[in-house]
Structures are given as C-alpha cells and as structure tokens.
Amino acid sequence: MTVAEVAANMRVSTMTVYRLIQSRDLPAVRIGKSYRLRESDVDGYLASRYTQAG
C-alpha cells in the first residue's frame, strides 16, 4: 500500500504515516522516493493500538 492509501484507511494525514514510519512503529520499504507498506503490517499496527471504548 502507498502512504496515501494507508493515511486514507487510518483516516489520518500522510505526515502522520511518515512519522510512524520514521519512528519505526510502522514497518515500510522504500522504493525509489516513495514508501510501500504491507496491508498485514498496517492491520497489525491498528490491532495493537486497539482499545475498547466504554
């Protein structure tokens, strides 16, 4: 997935995704000047940050 796709999926800005990549919270591979992320890594990140409301 591209950074823009991940940002849209998570409903955050692209800068937030770049910060997560730089802090190594979200693994990514750099291809040329852009980053690519695995959907399973994004799902794993979201699952680890999941909290039950209420």
N, C-alpha and C. Protein backbone atom coordinates (compact mmCIF):
# COMPACT_ATOMS: atom_id res chain seq x y z
N MET A 1 0.84 -1.18 0.00
CA MET A 1 0.00 0.00 0.00
C MET A 1 0.89 1.25 0.00
N THR A 2 0.41 2.30 -0.58
CA THR A 2 1.15 3.55 -0.56
C THR A 2 0.85 4.30 0.74
N VAL A 3 1.63 5.32 1.01
CA VAL A 3 1.42 6.14 2.20
C VAL A 3 0.04 6.80 2.14
N ALA A 4 -0.36 7.27 0.98
CA ALA A 4 -1.67 7.91 0.83
C ALA A 4 -2.80 6.93 1.10
N GLU A 5 -2.66 5.69 0.63
CA GLU A 5 -3.69 4.67 0.88
C GLU A 5 -3.79 4.34 2.37
N VAL A 6 -2.65 4.22 3.03
CA VAL A 6 -2.65 3.94 4.46
C VAL A 6 -3.28 5.10 5.23
N ALA A 7 -2.93 6.33 4.86
CA ALA A 7 -3.49 7.50 5.52
C ALA A 7 -5.01 7.55 5.37
N ALA A 8 -5.49 7.26 4.18
CA ALA A 8 -6.94 7.26 3.96
C ALA A 8 -7.61 6.15 4.76
N ASN A 9 -6.96 4.99 4.83
CA ASN A 9 -7.51 3.85 5.56
C ASN A 9 -7.57 4.14 7.06
N MET A 10 -6.54 4.79 7.58
CA MET A 10 -6.47 5.10 9.01
C MET A 10 -7.15 6.42 9.36
N ARG A 11 -7.53 7.18 8.34
CA ARG A 11 -8.16 8.49 8.50
C ARG A 11 -7.25 9.47 9.25
N VAL A 12 -6.00 9.50 8.83
CA VAL A 12 -5.02 10.44 9.36
C VAL A 12 -4.33 11.10 8.17
N SER A 13 -3.47 12.07 8.45
CA SER A 13 -2.75 12.73 7.37
C SER A 13 -1.57 11.87 6.92
N THR A 14 -1.07 12.16 5.74
CA THR A 14 0.09 11.43 5.24
C THR A 14 1.30 11.70 6.11
N MET A 15 1.40 12.91 6.68
CA MET A 15 2.52 13.24 7.55
C MET A 15 2.53 12.34 8.78
N THR A 16 1.38 12.00 9.30
CA THR A 16 1.29 11.09 10.45
C THR A 16 1.84 9.72 10.08
N VAL A 17 1.53 9.25 8.90
CA VAL A 17 2.04 7.95 8.45
C VAL A 17 3.56 8.01 8.31
N TYR A 18 4.07 9.10 7.74
CA TYR A 18 5.52 9.25 7.62
C TYR A 18 6.18 9.27 9.00
N ARG A 19 5.56 9.92 9.98
CA ARG A 19 6.11 9.93 11.34
C ARG A 19 6.14 8.53 11.94
N LEU A 20 5.08 7.75 11.70
CA LEU A 20 5.04 6.37 12.19
C LEU A 20 6.13 5.52 11.54
N ILE A 21 6.40 5.77 10.27
CA ILE A 21 7.47 5.04 9.57
C ILE A 21 8.83 5.44 10.15
N GLN A 22 9.05 6.74 10.34
CA GLN A 22 10.33 7.23 10.85
C GLN A 22 10.60 6.75 12.27
N SER A 23 9.55 6.62 13.09
CA SER A 23 9.72 6.15 14.47
C SER A 23 9.76 4.63 14.55
N ARG A 24 9.69 3.98 13.40
CA ARG A 24 9.72 2.52 13.29
C ARG A 24 8.55 1.83 13.97
N ASP A 25 7.45 2.56 14.18
CA ASP A 25 6.24 1.94 14.69
C ASP A 25 5.51 1.19 13.58
N LEU A 26 5.72 1.63 12.36
CA LEU A 26 5.08 1.03 11.20
C LEU A 26 6.15 0.66 10.18
N PRO A 27 6.38 -0.64 9.96
CA PRO A 27 7.43 -1.05 9.02
C PRO A 27 7.07 -0.71 7.57
N ALA A 28 8.06 -0.24 6.83
CA ALA A 28 7.85 0.13 5.44
C ALA A 28 9.12 -0.13 4.64
N VAL A 29 8.94 -0.26 3.34
CA VAL A 29 10.06 -0.45 2.42
C VAL A 29 10.11 0.76 1.51
N ARG A 30 11.30 1.30 1.35
CA ARG A 30 11.45 2.45 0.47
C ARG A 30 11.78 1.97 -0.93
N ILE A 31 10.98 2.41 -1.89
CA ILE A 31 11.19 2.07 -3.30
C ILE A 31 11.33 3.40 -4.04
N GLY A 32 12.55 3.68 -4.46
CA GLY A 32 12.80 4.98 -5.09
C GLY A 32 12.64 6.07 -4.06
N LYS A 33 11.73 7.01 -4.33
CA LYS A 33 11.49 8.10 -3.40
C LYS A 33 10.23 7.89 -2.56
N SER A 34 9.55 6.77 -2.75
CA SER A 34 8.30 6.54 -2.03
C SER A 34 8.39 5.32 -1.13
N TYR A 35 7.46 5.20 -0.22
CA TYR A 35 7.40 4.07 0.70
C TYR A 35 6.24 3.17 0.33
N ARG A 36 6.41 1.89 0.60
CA ARG A 36 5.35 0.90 0.44
C ARG A 36 5.20 0.16 1.75
N LEU A 37 3.96 -0.13 2.12
CA LEU A 37 3.67 -0.81 3.37
C LEU A 37 2.80 -2.03 3.08
N ARG A 38 3.02 -3.08 3.85
CA ARG A 38 2.19 -4.27 3.71
C ARG A 38 0.88 -4.06 4.45
N GLU A 39 -0.19 -4.52 3.86
CA GLU A 39 -1.50 -4.38 4.49
C GLU A 39 -1.54 -5.13 5.82
N SER A 40 -0.86 -6.26 5.89
CA SER A 40 -0.84 -7.04 7.14
C SER A 40 -0.10 -6.27 8.25
N ASP A 41 0.94 -5.51 7.90
CA ASP A 41 1.64 -4.70 8.90
C ASP A 41 0.76 -3.58 9.41
N VAL A 42 0.00 -2.96 8.51
CA VAL A 42 -0.90 -1.89 8.91
C VAL A 42 -2.00 -2.46 9.82
N ASP A 43 -2.56 -3.60 9.44
CA ASP A 43 -3.59 -4.23 10.27
C ASP A 43 -3.05 -4.62 11.63
N GLY A 44 -1.82 -5.13 11.68
CA GLY A 44 -1.19 -5.49 12.94
C GLY A 44 -0.96 -4.27 13.83
N TYR A 45 -0.55 -3.17 13.22
CA TYR A 45 -0.34 -1.93 13.98
C TYR A 45 -1.66 -1.45 14.58
N LEU A 46 -2.70 -1.45 13.76
CA LEU A 46 -4.00 -0.99 14.26
C LEU A 46 -4.54 -1.91 15.35
N ALA A 47 -4.34 -3.21 15.21
CA ALA A 47 -4.80 -4.16 16.22
C ALA A 47 -4.05 -3.97 17.53
N SER A 48 -2.78 -3.65 17.46
CA SER A 48 -2.01 -3.46 18.68
C SER A 48 -2.39 -2.17 19.40
N ARG A 49 -2.94 -1.20 18.67
CA ARG A 49 -3.35 0.08 19.25
C ARG A 49 -4.82 0.13 19.61
N TYR A 50 -5.54 -0.96 19.39
CA TYR A 50 -6.97 -1.00 19.60
C TYR A 50 -7.31 -0.98 21.09
N THR A 51 -8.25 -0.11 21.45
CA THR A 51 -8.74 -0.09 22.83
C THR A 51 -10.27 -0.11 22.79
N GLN A 52 -10.85 -0.75 23.77
CA GLN A 52 -12.30 -0.85 23.84
C GLN A 52 -12.86 0.41 24.49
N ALA A 53 -13.79 1.06 23.81
CA ALA A 53 -14.41 2.26 24.35
C ALA A 53 -15.59 1.88 25.26
N GLY A 54 -15.81 2.70 26.25
CA GLY A 54 -16.99 2.49 27.10
C GLY A 54 -16.66 1.70 28.24
